[in-house]
Amino acid sequence: MRRSEKDARLAELYAQVPDVGCKGLCHHSCTVIPQGPREGQRTRAAGFRLPHWQDAADRMLRGENVVCPALSAENRCQVHDERPMICRLYGAVEGLVCPHGCEPEGGLLPAAEGWRLRDAVLKL
């Protein structure tokens, strides 16, 4: 599949995630997360290389504070338009509820739907 086809597929998948009306208060949850190969290429093209999620998880298990390198000093996502699916799902899916009350108007997506979207992206 060509890069343009992957990007079109990503756009289709991203469009299935409802807007949560983010208040920008969830920066404490921004850590290194699983992303698909094409998502990794896109974040690198935006100037950020996110460490592999497994490496970050190991560091967190050792008690290290792991913060996403795309988070600015002002606690804003610097790759918001290119952010991976798991970031988009935060606050929009059962089990990934925003503690600040951000939620889609139509309610949360079922967890199974969120994981289906995440799994589809990991293959691109």
Protein backbone atom coordinates (compact mmCIF):
# COMPACT_ATOMS: atom_id res chain seq x y z
CA MET A 1 0.00 0.00 0.00
CA ARG A 2 1.36 3.43 -0.94
CA ARG A 3 1.97 6.14 1.61
CA SER A 4 -0.90 8.22 0.21
CA GLU A 5 -3.23 5.23 0.52
CA LYS A 6 -2.12 4.66 4.12
CA ASP A 7 -2.72 8.33 4.90
CA ALA A 8 -6.19 8.15 3.37
CA ARG A 9 -6.95 5.04 5.43
CA LEU A 10 -5.66 6.77 8.58
CA ALA A 11 -7.94 9.73 7.86
CA GLU A 12 -10.91 7.36 7.50
CA LEU A 13 -10.10 5.67 10.81
CA TYR A 14 -9.44 8.94 12.64
CA ALA A 15 -12.79 10.29 11.40
CA GLN A 16 -14.53 7.48 13.30
CA VAL A 17 -13.36 8.89 16.64
CA PRO A 18 -15.80 11.47 18.00
CA ASP A 19 -14.52 14.86 19.16
CA VAL A 20 -14.24 14.98 22.94
CA GLY A 21 -14.23 18.77 23.30
CA CYS A 22 -10.77 18.65 24.87
CA LYS A 23 -10.07 21.28 27.53
CA GLY A 24 -6.30 20.74 27.28
CA LEU A 25 -5.99 19.51 30.86
CA CYS A 26 -4.89 15.92 30.22
CA HIS A 27 -1.16 16.49 29.67
CA HIS A 28 -0.38 14.35 32.72
CA SER A 29 -1.57 11.37 30.65
CA CYS A 30 0.77 12.09 27.73
CA THR A 31 3.34 9.36 27.76
CA VAL A 32 4.84 7.16 25.09
CA ILE A 33 2.22 4.96 23.50
CA PRO A 34 1.89 2.30 20.81
CA GLN A 35 1.58 3.72 17.34
CA GLY A 36 1.41 2.19 13.91
CA PRO A 37 4.39 2.32 11.53
CA ARG A 38 2.84 5.04 9.36
CA GLU A 39 1.88 7.05 12.44
CA GLY A 40 5.52 6.87 13.56
CA GLN A 41 6.64 8.15 10.17
CA ARG A 42 4.21 11.03 10.42
CA THR A 43 5.30 12.08 13.93
CA ARG A 44 8.96 11.89 12.84
CA ALA A 45 8.16 14.04 9.80
CA ALA A 46 6.63 16.55 12.24
CA GLY A 47 9.99 16.61 14.06
CA PHE A 48 9.40 14.17 16.93
CA ARG A 49 10.74 10.69 17.43
CA LEU A 50 8.64 8.87 19.99
CA PRO A 51 10.52 6.09 21.78
CA HIS A 52 9.16 2.58 21.36
CA TRP A 53 6.29 2.06 23.79
CA GLN A 54 7.88 -1.07 25.26
CA ASP A 55 11.05 0.83 26.17
CA ALA A 56 8.91 3.52 27.80
CA ALA A 57 6.89 0.91 29.70
CA ASP A 58 10.12 -0.63 31.03
CA ARG A 59 11.28 2.81 32.18
CA MET A 60 7.95 3.44 33.88
CA LEU A 61 8.19 0.09 35.68
CA ARG A 62 11.57 1.24 37.03
CA GLY A 63 9.81 4.29 38.46
CA GLU A 64 10.95 6.80 35.84
CA ASN A 65 8.62 9.59 34.79
CA VAL A 66 8.08 9.13 31.06
CA VAL A 67 6.62 12.12 29.23
CA CYS A 68 5.83 12.26 25.54
CA PRO A 69 8.59 14.22 23.77
CA ALA A 70 5.95 15.96 21.65
CA LEU A 71 4.52 17.68 24.73
CA SER A 72 5.62 21.31 24.88
CA ALA A 73 6.82 23.19 27.97
CA GLU A 74 3.32 24.71 28.01
CA ASN A 75 1.84 21.17 28.17
CA ARG A 76 0.40 21.27 24.65
CA CYS A 77 0.72 18.57 22.01
CA GLN A 78 3.04 19.76 19.27
CA VAL A 79 1.85 17.06 16.85
CA HIS A 80 -1.85 17.39 17.56
CA ASP A 81 -2.87 17.12 13.90
CA GLU A 82 -0.63 14.06 13.43
CA ARG A 83 -1.18 12.48 16.86
CA PRO A 84 -1.52 8.69 16.95
CA MET A 85 -4.85 6.91 17.26
CA ILE A 86 -4.44 6.05 20.92
CA CYS A 87 -4.15 9.76 21.72
CA ARG A 88 -7.30 10.44 19.72
CA LEU A 89 -9.16 7.70 21.60
CA TYR A 90 -8.36 9.18 25.01
CA GLY A 91 -11.60 10.57 26.41
CA ALA A 92 -13.65 9.07 23.58
CA VAL A 93 -13.71 5.39 24.60
CA GLU A 94 -14.98 3.42 27.56
CA GLY A 95 -11.92 2.63 29.68
CA LEU A 96 -10.06 5.74 28.48
CA VAL A 97 -12.31 8.26 30.19
CA CYS A 98 -10.96 11.77 30.66
CA PRO A 99 -10.79 12.69 34.36
CA HIS A 100 -11.57 16.32 33.45
CA GLY A 101 -14.99 15.59 32.00
CA CYS A 102 -14.15 15.83 28.30
CA GLU A 103 -16.52 13.48 26.50
CA PRO A 104 -18.13 13.21 23.07
CA GLU A 105 -21.63 14.68 22.84
CA GLY A 106 -23.04 11.33 21.72
CA GLY A 107 -21.33 9.41 24.51
CA LEU A 108 -18.29 7.19 24.67
CA LEU A 109 -17.43 4.61 22.05
CA PRO A 110 -17.61 1.04 23.33
CA ALA A 111 -14.18 -0.26 24.35
CA ALA A 112 -14.26 -2.96 21.65
CA GLU A 113 -14.75 -0.29 18.96
CA GLY A 114 -11.82 1.72 20.30
CA TRP A 115 -9.52 -1.29 20.26
CA ARG A 116 -10.70 -2.20 16.75
CA LEU A 117 -9.70 1.26 15.55
CA ARG A 118 -6.37 1.09 17.38
CA ASP A 119 -5.60 -2.36 15.96
CA ALA A 120 -6.46 -1.22 12.42
CA VAL A 121 -3.97 1.64 12.70
CA LEU A 122 -1.20 -0.58 14.05
CA LYS A 123 -1.28 -2.48 10.73
CA LEU A 124 -0.63 0.62 8.61
